Amino acid sequence: MYIKSPLRSPLRSPLRIPAVALAVAGLLLSGCDSGGSDHGAAASTTATRSLGPLPATTAADLAPYYGQKLSWHTCGVPGFECATMKAPLDYAHPVAADDLKLAVARKKAAGPGARLGSLLVNPGGPGGSAIDYLQYAALGYPAPVTSRYDMAAIDPRGVARSEPVACLTDAQMDAFTAVDTTPDDAAEADQLVAADTGFAAGCAKRSAKVLAHVSTIDSARDMDVLRALLGDDKLTYVGKSYGTFLGATYAGLFPQRVGRLVLDGAMDPSVGALDSSRTQAGGFETAFTAFAGDCVQHTDCPLGTKSAEDAGRRLDEFFRGLDAKPLPTDQARPLTEALGTTGVISAMYDEGSWPTLRGALAQAMQGDGAGLLKLSDEYYERDSGGKYSNLMAANAAVNCLDLPPALSSPADVERALPSFRSASPHFGTGLAWASLICGYWKIPATGKPQRIEAEGAAPILVVGTTRDPATPYSWAESLASQLTSGHLLTYNGDGHTAYGRGSDCIDTAVNLYLLEGTTPPKNKKCD
């Protein structure tokens, strides 16, 4: 979902723009991924039930949360304000002593034009900091929108500044991200299982209070509390990648409170985890094919200039070489096959990163893995001092709670490998093994795959990109068809998500919807 893990701050801290702001919507893949499934590798669950709405009236025991007053203060960046919002740990049994403190931020509209209310944003993940992303959105989204809306965000529970989930130390994360995700024998498979088991145990030990209460449904309910506290009768929202699943869940729970929702880089909540993981593997394959086709047109392409197919063969050879002998880097950490693969996948989220990937691959093929390691570190949100954000911890925690694991044992993975390799010859093996982590999770999943129809909701705009690596276009088609009031807008192009990324056609259509509530014509496509 934001999507991360393809292979597997205090409130006073100032806002920051993520290192890869345009790709931050990416993560989705942590071991359980965004669809649900049974435990067996052959299982392929498609939802037959729909997410039902909550009562239209607020329960009496939740009134204190909806009636609280936010105390806004400056937070390190001119024009931005921050506050802390209380939310119940468990919405079914709210107890004041257990309340969570969630971080929220906003930048007020400065005009010209009449203020339209608040526009919440979420970059995806799960695990991406919405408050970090807010600075990019408030300053980088089209001016006609940011001048009319108070731009706002809430770090979801378990993420960044909002009761962050913690699992491993930074040193342990270095070891975890380097573990071989394409095991060649039983001993290497055991090492991967030990890494996943240790990660899950670390989360259970270090985040015992919140670990059972970081589901997407919980976070959607938090957004409704914030909507009320911001003074809006209805929610206006732009969600990217996993943020579309969060937004669609909100619509399913509170259809009567849906204002203008943009779901960009859409997830399909109705598919099982196994099918979802395989489909996503195919999305990365599609993106790599586009990259390779572009690369071979350049005389300096490190994968050759013959054809995209030949470039793929050379990439496979490169990965095999890394598996046999990791490359030195400018750090004490060598570039393993797992880190190198993550570096390549990282660049698939945004075609603007393709030149960087060409350079990193050329450098690696000359014996220096520093460039690919840097791409991998950006993906995992590891800074130059070796400190990780809690992105990967939150990613796994939310995914593993939202849906049952796609795969639960090495035997499951072995049975699933042929279909993953068929979907993605270059990345399928690693992505299949990456789907195993939720099989060792200590907290049982509380969610299942289900359709989201949100009957009675105002028109909802779903945006899909035809060669999106992380959220394949078919998911956008499916979500738009599930939503009773869904409208599909298509970007025929590359990269992950579309709004605010350079397409005048997409931006114009989304702006018109956000400013006037006008949906694009049916089957609208932008090139």
Protein backbone atom coordinates (compact mmCIF):
# COMPACT_ATOMS: atom_id res chain seq x y z
CA MET A 1 0.00 0.00 0.00
CA TYR A 2 2.36 3.41 0.30
CA ILE A 3 3.87 0.39 -0.69
CA LYS A 4 6.98 -0.44 0.87
CA SER A 5 8.91 -3.45 1.52
CA PRO A 6 8.68 -4.84 -1.92
CA LEU A 7 10.94 -7.45 -0.60
CA ARG A 8 9.99 -7.17 2.51
CA SER A 9 9.50 12.25 16.02
CA PRO A 10 8.39 14.22 18.52
CA LEU A 11 5.60 16.72 17.85
CA ARG A 12 8.00 19.60 18.21
CA SER A 13 10.07 18.30 15.29
CA PRO A 14 9.72 20.52 12.24
CA LEU A 15 7.90 19.29 9.18
CA ARG A 16 10.12 17.85 6.50
CA ILE A 17 9.69 16.99 2.85
CA PRO A 18 10.28 13.25 2.32
CA ALA A 19 13.42 12.35 0.39
CA VAL A 20 11.28 10.98 -2.40
CA ALA A 21 8.16 13.10 -2.13
CA LEU A 22 6.78 12.07 -5.50
CA ALA A 23 7.21 8.39 -4.77
CA VAL A 24 6.19 8.52 -1.14
CA ALA A 25 2.85 7.20 -2.14
CA GLY A 26 4.43 3.93 -2.86
CA LEU A 27 4.94 1.28 -0.26
CA LEU A 28 2.30 -1.32 -0.11
CA LEU A 29 4.19 -4.55 -0.01
CA SER A 30 5.11 -5.48 3.54
CA GLY A 31 4.50 -9.22 4.02
CA CYS A 32 0.78 -9.19 3.95
CA ASP A 33 0.02 -6.64 1.33
CA SER A 34 -3.18 -4.96 0.61
CA GLY A 35 -5.62 -7.64 -0.25
CA GLY A 36 -6.78 -10.44 2.00
CA SER A 37 -6.44 -14.16 1.50
CA ASP A 38 -6.54 -17.55 3.10
CA HIS A 39 -3.30 -18.96 4.45
CA GLY A 40 -2.61 -21.47 1.71
CA ALA A 41 -0.49 -20.53 -1.28
CA ALA A 42 -3.15 -21.74 -3.68
CA ALA A 43 -5.88 -19.70 -2.08
CA SER A 44 -7.31 -16.85 -4.11
CA THR A 45 -9.96 -14.98 -2.19
CA THR A 46 -12.25 -12.47 -3.83
CA ALA A 47 -14.55 -10.64 -1.46
CA THR A 48 -18.24 -11.30 -1.62
CA ARG A 49 -19.21 -8.98 1.24
CA SER A 50 -19.16 -5.21 1.39
CA LEU A 51 -17.93 -2.87 4.09
CA GLY A 52 -21.01 -1.60 5.94
CA PRO A 53 -21.48 1.96 7.20
CA LEU A 54 -21.30 2.97 10.83
CA PRO A 55 -24.37 4.60 12.46
CA ALA A 56 -24.92 8.12 11.19
CA THR A 57 -25.09 9.51 14.73
CA THR A 58 -22.03 9.65 16.96
CA ALA A 59 -22.10 7.33 19.96
CA ALA A 60 -22.31 9.08 23.34
CA ASP A 61 -19.04 7.57 24.57
CA LEU A 62 -17.22 9.12 21.58
CA ALA A 63 -18.62 12.61 22.15
CA PRO A 64 -15.59 13.77 24.19
CA TYR A 65 -13.33 13.06 21.22
CA TYR A 66 -15.54 14.85 18.73
CA GLY A 67 -15.93 17.74 21.15
CA GLN A 68 -12.29 18.30 22.11
CA LYS A 69 -10.55 21.58 21.25
CA LEU A 70 -7.28 21.52 19.33
CA SER A 71 -4.50 23.79 20.55
CA TRP A 72 -2.62 24.93 17.45
CA HIS A 73 0.99 26.09 17.59
CA THR A 74 3.80 26.78 15.15
CA CYS A 75 5.90 23.77 14.22
CA GLY A 76 9.11 24.86 12.55
CA VAL A 77 7.99 25.85 9.05
CA PRO A 78 6.46 29.28 8.33
CA GLY A 79 2.75 29.09 7.65
CA PHE A 80 2.25 25.64 9.16
CA GLU A 81 0.56 24.85 12.47
CA CYS A 82 0.59 21.65 14.52
CA ALA A 83 -1.60 20.20 17.26
CA THR A 84 -2.25 16.98 19.14
CA MET A 85 -5.57 15.15 18.84
CA LYS A 86 -6.86 12.56 21.31
CA ALA A 87 -8.36 9.34 19.95
CA PRO A 88 -9.53 6.21 21.73
CA LEU A 89 -7.17 3.26 21.59
CA ASP A 90 -10.20 1.04 20.99
CA TYR A 91 -13.27 2.65 19.42
CA ALA A 92 -15.45 -0.18 20.68
CA HIS A 93 -14.38 0.41 24.29
CA PRO A 94 -13.03 3.95 24.71
CA VAL A 95 -11.14 4.45 27.98
CA ALA A 96 -9.64 7.88 28.62
CA ALA A 97 -6.58 6.41 30.37
CA ASP A 98 -5.67 4.54 27.17
CA ASP A 99 -6.19 7.43 24.75
CA LEU A 100 -3.74 7.89 21.90
CA LYS A 101 -2.13 11.21 21.07
CA LEU A 102 -2.16 11.74 17.31
CA ALA A 103 -0.23 14.45 15.50
CA VAL A 104 -2.09 16.78 13.13
CA ALA A 105 -0.93 19.76 11.07
CA ARG A 106 -2.35 22.31 8.66
CA LYS A 107 -1.55 25.28 6.46
CA LYS A 108 -4.41 27.73 6.15
CA ALA A 109 -5.66 28.92 2.79
CA ALA A 110 -4.42 32.37 1.87
CA GLY A 111 -6.53 32.99 -1.24
CA PRO A 112 -7.30 34.42 -3.66
CA GLY A 113 -10.82 33.09 -3.69
CA ALA A 114 -13.22 32.03 -0.97
CA ARG A 115 -12.08 29.31 1.42
CA LEU A 116 -13.62 25.91 0.65
CA GLY A 117 -12.81 24.11 3.89
CA SER A 118 -10.04 21.65 4.76
CA LEU A 119 -8.32 19.24 2.38
CA LEU A 120 -6.73 16.26 4.11
CA VAL A 121 -3.88 14.44 2.39
CA ASN A 122 -2.26 11.07 2.88
CA PRO A 123 0.75 9.77 0.88
CA GLY A 124 0.20 6.07 1.40
CA GLY A 125 2.30 3.34 2.88
CA PRO A 126 0.92 2.24 5.13
CA GLY A 127 3.56 3.96 7.20
CA GLY A 128 4.11 7.15 5.25
CA SER A 129 3.97 10.29 7.33
CA ALA A 130 1.05 12.43 6.16
CA ILE A 131 2.47 15.40 8.06
CA ASP A 132 5.81 15.14 6.26
CA TYR A 133 3.93 14.86 2.97
CA LEU A 134 1.74 17.84 3.84
CA GLN A 135 4.56 20.30 3.24
CA TYR A 136 5.03 18.94 -0.28
CA ALA A 137 1.28 18.95 -0.93
CA ALA A 138 0.64 22.41 0.52
CA LEU A 139 3.47 23.94 -1.50
CA GLY A 140 3.52 21.62 -4.52
CA TYR A 141 -0.11 20.87 -5.36
CA PRO A 142 -1.67 23.20 -7.96
CA ALA A 143 -2.12 26.73 -6.61
CA PRO A 144 -5.84 26.99 -7.47
CA VAL A 145 -6.44 24.24 -4.90
CA THR A 146 -3.97 25.19 -2.18
CA SER A 147 -5.16 28.80 -2.22
CA ARG A 148 -8.76 27.80 -1.49
CA TYR A 149 -8.36 24.95 0.99
CA ASP A 150 -6.73 24.72 4.39
CA MET A 151 -4.28 21.90 3.65
CA ALA A 152 -4.29 19.41 6.54
CA ALA A 153 -2.93 16.03 7.59
CA ILE A 154 -2.88 13.52 10.41
CA ASP A 155 -0.10 11.01 10.93
CA PRO A 156 -2.09 7.78 11.20
CA ARG A 157 -1.91 5.93 14.50
CA GLY A 158 1.32 3.93 14.67
CA VAL A 159 3.07 6.23 12.18
CA ALA A 160 5.83 8.82 12.65
CA ARG A 161 4.64 11.32 15.31
CA SER A 162 1.44 9.42 16.24
CA GLU A 163 2.32 6.71 18.78
CA PRO A 164 4.85 5.17 16.36
CA VAL A 165 5.19 1.40 16.13
CA ALA A 166 8.74 0.25 16.86
CA CYS A 167 10.18 -3.16 16.05
CA LEU A 168 13.97 -3.26 15.57
CA THR A 169 16.97 -1.12 16.36
CA ASP A 170 18.67 0.68 13.46
CA ALA A 171 21.48 -1.89 13.44
CA GLN A 172 18.94 -4.70 13.39
CA MET A 173 17.13 -3.00 10.50
CA ASP A 174 20.40 -2.89 8.56
CA ALA A 175 20.68 -6.64 8.97
CA PHE A 176 16.99 -7.25 8.22
CA THR A 177 16.93 -5.32 4.95
CA ALA A 178 20.06 -7.14 3.71
CA VAL A 179 18.72 -10.67 4.26
CA ASP A 180 18.58 -12.78 1.09
CA THR A 181 15.01 -12.77 -0.23
CA THR A 182 15.71 -15.29 -3.00
CA PRO A 183 16.90 -18.26 -0.92
CA ASP A 184 18.74 -20.94 -2.86
CA ASP A 185 18.48 -23.69 -0.24
CA ALA A 186 16.80 -24.65 3.02
CA ALA A 187 19.48 -22.95 5.11
CA GLU A 188 18.91 -19.60 3.39
CA ALA A 189 15.14 -20.03 3.69
CA ASP A 190 15.60 -20.64 7.41
CA GLN A 191 17.60 -17.42 7.69
CA LEU A 192 14.81 -15.47 6.02
CA VAL A 193 12.18 -17.05 8.28
CA ALA A 194 14.33 -16.21 11.32
CA ALA A 195 14.54 -12.59 10.17
CA ASP A 196 10.77 -12.35 9.69
CA THR A 197 10.10 -14.06 13.01
CA GLY A 198 12.50 -11.74 14.80
CA PHE A 199 10.91 -8.68 13.22
CA ALA A 200 7.43 -9.77 14.30
CA ALA A 201 8.63 -10.56 17.82
CA GLY A 202 10.33 -7.17 18.07
CA CYS A 203 7.12 -5.39 17.12
CA ALA A 204 5.12 -7.35 19.67
CA LYS A 205 7.64 -6.60 22.41
CA ARG A 206 8.25 -2.91 21.71
CA SER A 207 4.74 -1.86 20.61
CA ALA A 208 2.45 -3.97 22.75
CA LYS A 209 -0.04 -1.17 23.51
CA VAL A 210 -0.88 -0.11 19.98
CA LEU A 211 -0.15 -3.16 17.82
CA ALA A 212 -3.72 -4.48 17.86
CA HIS A 213 -5.22 -1.04 17.17
CA VAL A 214 -3.53 0.34 14.05
CA SER A 215 -5.93 -0.97 11.42
CA THR A 216 -7.08 1.09 8.47
CA ILE A 217 -10.58 1.16 9.92
CA ASP A 218 -9.18 2.68 13.12
CA SER A 219 -7.32 5.34 11.12
CA ALA A 220 -10.38 6.12 9.00
CA ARG A 221 -12.33 6.74 12.20
CA ASP A 222 -9.55 9.03 13.41
CA MET A 223 -9.91 11.03 10.19
CA ASP A 224 -13.58 11.51 10.90
CA VAL A 225 -12.80 12.93 14.33
CA LEU A 226 -10.32 15.34 12.75
CA ARG A 227 -12.86 16.33 10.10
CA ALA A 228 -15.26 17.38 12.84
CA LEU A 229 -12.57 19.24 14.80
CA LEU A 230 -11.59 21.18 11.69
CA GLY A 231 -15.20 22.35 11.39
CA ASP A 232 -16.08 20.49 8.18
CA ASP A 233 -19.44 18.77 7.72
CA LYS A 234 -17.94 16.52 5.06
CA LEU A 235 -14.46 15.21 4.32
CA THR A 236 -12.46 16.49 1.37
CA TYR A 237 -9.40 14.33 0.82
CA VAL A 238 -6.59 13.35 -1.55
CA GLY A 239 -5.18 9.90 -0.86
CA LYS A 240 -2.31 8.34 -2.77
CA SER A 241 -1.64 4.59 -3.08
CA TYR A 242 -2.49 3.04 0.32
CA GLY A 243 -4.11 6.40 1.02
CA THR A 244 -6.79 5.35 -1.49
CA PHE A 245 -7.59 2.31 0.64
CA LEU A 246 -7.79 4.58 3.68
CA GLY A 247 -10.04 7.02 1.81
CA ALA A 248 -12.26 4.30 0.37
CA THR A 249 -12.59 2.77 3.84
CA TYR A 250 -13.69 6.16 5.16
CA ALA A 251 -16.30 6.36 2.41
CA GLY A 252 -17.58 2.89 3.28
CA LEU A 253 -17.86 3.74 6.98
CA PHE A 254 -19.19 7.30 6.60
CA PRO A 255 -20.85 7.60 3.15
CA GLN A 256 -23.02 10.47 4.34
CA ARG A 257 -19.90 12.47 5.28
CA VAL A 258 -18.09 12.11 1.96
CA GLY A 259 -17.34 15.45 0.34
CA ARG A 260 -14.80 15.39 -2.51
CA LEU A 261 -12.51 12.38 -2.39
CA VAL A 262 -9.61 11.84 -4.82
CA LEU A 263 -8.22 8.32 -4.70
CA ASP A 264 -5.03 8.35 -6.79
CA GLY A 265 -3.05 5.17 -7.48
CA ALA A 266 -5.96 3.09 -6.31
CA MET A 267 -5.96 -0.11 -4.31
CA ASP A 268 -8.55 -2.84 -4.81
CA PRO A 269 -9.91 -3.77 -1.37
CA SER A 270 -11.82 -6.78 -2.70
CA VAL A 271 -8.91 -9.01 -3.75
CA GLY A 272 -7.06 -11.52 -1.60
CA ALA A 273 -3.49 -10.91 -0.47
CA LEU A 274 -2.05 -13.61 -2.68
CA ASP A 275 -3.68 -12.28 -5.83
CA SER A 276 -2.83 -8.75 -4.76
CA SER A 277 0.86 -9.57 -4.27
CA ARG A 278 1.08 -11.33 -7.62
CA THR A 279 -0.67 -8.49 -9.42
CA GLN A 280 1.68 -6.00 -7.84
CA ALA A 281 4.65 -8.10 -8.93
CA GLY A 282 3.28 -7.79 -12.45
CA GLY A 283 3.06 -4.04 -11.99
CA PHE A 284 6.75 -3.79 -11.19
CA GLU A 285 7.51 -5.97 -14.20
CA THR A 286 5.50 -3.63 -16.44
CA ALA A 287 7.37 -0.65 -15.02
CA PHE A 288 10.75 -2.32 -15.53
CA THR A 289 9.85 -3.15 -19.13
CA ALA A 290 9.12 0.55 -19.69
CA PHE A 291 12.40 1.52 -18.02
CA ALA A 292 14.36 -1.03 -20.03
CA GLY A 293 12.77 0.11 -23.29
CA ASP A 294 13.85 3.65 -22.50
CA CYS A 295 17.29 2.65 -21.23
CA VAL A 296 18.35 0.81 -24.39
CA GLN A 297 17.72 4.00 -26.37
CA HIS A 298 20.63 5.62 -24.51
CA THR A 299 24.18 4.87 -25.58
CA ASP A 300 25.27 4.73 -21.94
CA CYS A 301 22.63 2.19 -20.88
CA PRO A 302 24.41 -0.25 -18.52
CA LEU A 303 21.99 -3.00 -19.57
CA GLY A 304 23.01 -2.74 -23.22
CA THR A 305 21.39 -1.15 -26.26
CA LYS A 306 19.99 -4.21 -27.97
CA SER A 307 16.44 -4.64 -26.63
CA ALA A 308 14.34 -4.50 -23.48
CA GLU A 309 14.42 -8.30 -23.35
CA ASP A 310 18.21 -8.32 -23.46
CA ALA A 311 18.30 -5.63 -20.76
CA GLY A 312 16.19 -7.89 -18.56
CA ARG A 313 18.59 -10.79 -19.06
CA ARG A 314 21.49 -8.59 -18.08
CA LEU A 315 19.68 -7.44 -14.97
CA ASP A 316 19.10 -11.06 -13.97
CA GLU A 317 22.82 -11.77 -14.45
CA PHE A 318 23.65 -8.76 -12.31
CA PHE A 319 21.35 -9.94 -9.51
CA ARG A 320 22.89 -13.45 -9.65
CA GLY A 321 26.32 -11.90 -9.32
CA LEU A 322 25.22 -9.90 -6.28
CA ASP A 323 23.78 -13.05 -4.73
CA ALA A 324 27.13 -14.78 -5.11
CA LYS A 325 29.29 -11.81 -4.13
CA PRO A 326 27.88 -8.56 -2.65
CA LEU A 327 29.52 -5.36 -3.84
CA PRO A 328 31.50 -2.92 -1.72
CA THR A 329 29.97 0.51 -1.17
CA ASP A 330 31.04 3.79 0.41
CA GLN A 331 29.78 2.42 3.74
CA ALA A 332 30.58 -0.58 5.91
CA ARG A 333 27.46 -2.24 4.46
CA PRO A 334 27.96 -4.19 1.22
CA LEU A 335 25.29 -4.18 -1.49
CA THR A 336 23.52 -7.54 -1.24
CA GLU A 337 21.10 -8.89 -3.81
CA ALA A 338 18.18 -7.88 -1.58
CA LEU A 339 19.42 -4.29 -1.23
CA GLY A 340 20.27 -4.06 -4.93
CA THR A 341 16.84 -5.30 -5.94
CA THR A 342 15.18 -2.80 -3.60
CA GLY A 343 17.31 -0.05 -5.16
CA VAL A 344 16.08 -0.97 -8.64
CA ILE A 345 12.46 -1.21 -7.51
CA SER A 346 12.76 2.14 -5.73
CA ALA A 347 13.43 3.86 -9.05
CA MET A 348 10.36 2.28 -10.64
CA TYR A 349 8.00 4.58 -8.72
CA ASP A 350 8.90 7.69 -10.71
CA GLU A 351 10.21 7.81 -14.27
CA GLY A 352 12.16 10.88 -13.23
CA SER A 353 14.43 8.48 -11.30
CA TRP A 354 15.35 6.46 -14.38
CA PRO A 355 18.52 8.45 -15.16
CA THR A 356 19.64 7.99 -11.54
CA LEU A 357 19.04 4.25 -11.83
CA ARG A 358 21.03 4.06 -15.07
CA GLY A 359 23.93 5.74 -13.31
CA ALA A 360 23.66 3.54 -10.22
CA LEU A 361 23.58 0.36 -12.32
CA ALA A 362 26.57 1.51 -14.38
CA GLN A 363 28.47 2.25 -11.17
CA ALA A 364 27.55 -1.15 -9.73
CA MET A 365 28.61 -2.99 -12.86
CA GLN A 366 32.00 -1.39 -12.40
CA GLY A 367 32.20 -2.81 -8.89
CA ASP A 368 30.77 -0.02 -6.70
CA GLY A 369 27.35 -0.56 -5.15
CA ALA A 370 27.07 2.88 -3.50
CA GLY A 371 24.47 4.30 -5.91
CA LEU A 372 22.06 1.39 -5.61
CA LEU A 373 22.52 1.31 -1.84
CA LYS A 374 21.53 4.98 -1.71
CA LEU A 375 18.36 4.23 -3.70
CA SER A 376 17.56 1.36 -1.35
CA ASP A 377 18.14 3.55 1.71
CA GLU A 378 15.81 6.22 0.33
CA TYR A 379 13.15 3.58 -0.15
CA TYR A 380 13.48 2.36 3.44
CA GLU A 381 13.78 5.94 4.76
CA ARG A 382 17.24 5.34 6.24
CA ASP A 383 19.17 8.59 6.65
CA SER A 384 22.90 9.14 6.15
CA GLY A 385 23.50 8.68 9.87
CA GLY A 386 21.99 5.19 9.80
CA LYS A 387 18.67 6.08 11.45
CA TYR A 388 15.46 4.62 10.02
CA SER A 389 12.04 6.20 10.18
CA ASN A 390 9.34 3.86 11.47
CA LEU A 391 8.00 3.41 7.94
CA MET A 392 8.71 -0.31 7.66
CA ALA A 393 7.51 -1.09 11.18
CA ALA A 394 4.20 0.70 10.63
CA ASN A 395 3.89 -0.80 7.15
CA ALA A 396 3.98 -4.33 8.48
CA ALA A 397 1.86 -3.55 11.53
CA VAL A 398 -1.03 -2.12 9.51
CA ASN A 399 -0.87 -4.63 6.68
CA CYS A 400 -0.69 -7.64 8.97
CA LEU A 401 -3.65 -6.40 11.00
CA ASP A 402 -5.80 -5.41 8.03
CA LEU A 403 -5.77 -8.78 6.26
CA PRO A 404 -4.76 -12.40 6.78
CA PRO A 405 -1.31 -13.33 5.47
CA ALA A 406 -0.87 -14.17 1.82
CA LEU A 407 1.55 -16.98 2.66
CA SER A 408 2.38 -18.62 5.98
CA SER A 409 5.31 -20.96 5.43
CA PRO A 410 8.23 -21.62 3.08
CA ALA A 411 6.20 -24.47 1.61
CA ASP A 412 3.44 -21.98 0.75
CA VAL A 413 6.00 -19.78 -0.97
CA GLU A 414 7.44 -22.68 -2.97
CA ARG A 415 3.98 -23.54 -4.26
CA ALA A 416 3.32 -19.92 -5.19
CA LEU A 417 6.68 -19.26 -6.89
CA PRO A 418 5.73 -20.41 -10.42
CA SER A 419 2.81 -17.98 -10.60
CA PHE A 420 4.91 -15.10 -9.18
CA ARG A 421 7.71 -15.79 -11.66
CA SER A 422 5.18 -15.86 -14.47
CA ALA A 423 3.82 -12.48 -13.38
CA SER A 424 7.29 -11.00 -12.87
CA PRO A 425 10.30 -12.90 -14.22
CA HIS A 426 12.74 -10.36 -12.77
CA PHE A 427 11.21 -9.63 -9.35
CA GLY A 428 8.66 -12.38 -8.72
CA THR A 429 10.84 -14.64 -6.57
CA GLY A 430 11.78 -11.88 -4.13
CA LEU A 431 8.25 -10.53 -3.96
CA ALA A 432 6.83 -13.98 -3.23
CA TRP A 433 9.20 -14.48 -0.30
CA ALA A 434 8.46 -10.93 0.87
CA SER A 435 4.82 -11.91 1.26
CA LEU A 436 5.72 -14.24 4.12
CA ILE A 437 6.29 -11.83 7.00
CA CYS A 438 2.66 -11.59 8.12
CA GLY A 439 2.64 -15.36 8.49
CA TYR A 440 4.69 -14.90 11.66
CA TRP A 441 2.78 -11.92 13.07
CA LYS A 442 1.84 -12.10 16.75
CA ILE A 443 -1.51 -10.31 16.45
CA PRO A 444 -4.27 -12.04 14.44
CA ALA A 445 -5.63 -10.06 11.50
CA THR A 446 -8.91 -8.29 12.21
CA GLY A 447 -9.82 -7.51 8.60
CA LYS A 448 -10.72 -9.45 5.48
CA PRO A 449 -10.96 -8.52 1.81
CA GLN A 450 -14.26 -6.81 1.11
CA ARG A 451 -15.88 -4.69 -1.53
CA ILE A 452 -16.38 -1.04 -0.73
CA GLU A 453 -19.51 0.42 -2.29
CA ALA A 454 -20.18 3.46 -0.08
CA GLU A 455 -23.79 3.67 -1.22
CA GLY A 456 -25.16 7.18 -0.78
CA ALA A 457 -21.78 8.90 -0.98
CA ALA A 458 -21.20 11.96 -3.14
CA PRO A 459 -19.21 11.37 -6.37
CA ILE A 460 -15.72 9.96 -5.69
CA LEU A 461 -12.87 10.41 -8.18
CA VAL A 462 -10.58 7.40 -8.72
CA VAL A 463 -7.34 8.01 -10.64
CA GLY A 464 -5.33 5.22 -12.26
CA THR A 465 -2.03 5.20 -14.18
CA THR A 466 -1.73 2.59 -16.92
CA ARG A 467 1.89 1.62 -16.15
CA ASP A 468 1.86 2.22 -12.41
CA PRO A 469 4.38 -0.18 -10.83
CA ALA A 470 2.92 -0.36 -7.34
CA THR A 471 -0.84 -0.06 -7.80
CA PRO A 472 -1.65 -1.63 -11.18
CA TYR A 473 -4.25 0.10 -13.31
CA SER A 474 -6.67 -2.82 -13.00
CA TRP A 475 -7.08 -1.95 -9.32
CA ALA A 476 -8.27 1.55 -10.16
CA GLU A 477 -10.77 0.11 -12.63
CA SER A 478 -12.03 -2.30 -9.99
CA LEU A 479 -12.35 0.28 -7.19
CA ALA A 480 -14.15 2.75 -9.44
CA SER A 481 -16.63 0.05 -10.42
CA GLN A 482 -17.20 -1.05 -6.80
CA LEU A 483 -17.94 2.44 -5.50
CA THR A 484 -21.56 3.28 -6.20
CA SER A 485 -20.53 6.85 -6.99
CA GLY A 486 -17.06 6.10 -8.37
CA HIS A 487 -15.71 7.93 -11.43
CA LEU A 488 -12.51 6.72 -13.14
CA LEU A 489 -9.90 9.11 -14.53
CA THR A 490 -7.04 7.47 -16.47
CA TYR A 491 -3.47 8.63 -16.98
CA ASN A 492 -1.79 6.80 -19.83
CA GLY A 493 1.76 6.94 -18.59
CA ASP A 494 4.50 5.76 -16.24
CA GLY A 495 5.17 6.20 -12.54
CA HIS A 496 3.22 5.81 -9.35
CA THR A 497 0.12 8.04 -9.02
CA ALA A 498 -0.72 10.96 -11.31
CA TYR A 499 -2.06 14.09 -9.60
CA GLY A 500 0.47 16.84 -9.03
CA ARG A 501 3.15 15.02 -11.02
CA GLY A 502 3.30 17.05 -14.21
CA SER A 503 0.23 16.13 -16.27
CA ASP A 504 -1.76 19.28 -17.03
CA CYS A 505 -4.67 17.11 -18.18
CA ILE A 506 -4.84 15.19 -14.90
CA ASP A 507 -4.30 18.28 -12.77
CA THR A 508 -6.99 20.23 -14.60
CA ALA A 509 -9.55 17.44 -14.16
CA VAL A 510 -8.76 16.90 -10.49
CA ASN A 511 -8.69 20.63 -9.77
CA LEU A 512 -12.14 21.07 -11.34
CA TYR A 513 -13.47 18.28 -9.15
CA LEU A 514 -11.91 19.66 -5.95
CA LEU A 515 -12.93 23.25 -6.65
CA GLU A 516 -16.39 22.76 -8.16
CA GLY A 517 -17.34 19.14 -7.54
CA THR A 518 -17.46 18.43 -11.28
CA THR A 519 -16.35 14.93 -12.26
CA PRO A 520 -14.57 14.28 -15.59
CA PRO A 521 -16.51 12.89 -18.55
CA LYS A 522 -16.95 9.12 -18.52
CA ASN A 523 -13.84 7.20 -19.66
CA LYS A 524 -11.73 10.37 -19.56
CA LYS A 525 -8.10 9.57 -20.48
CA CYS A 526 -5.02 11.77 -20.26
CA ASP A 527 -1.71 11.19 -22.07
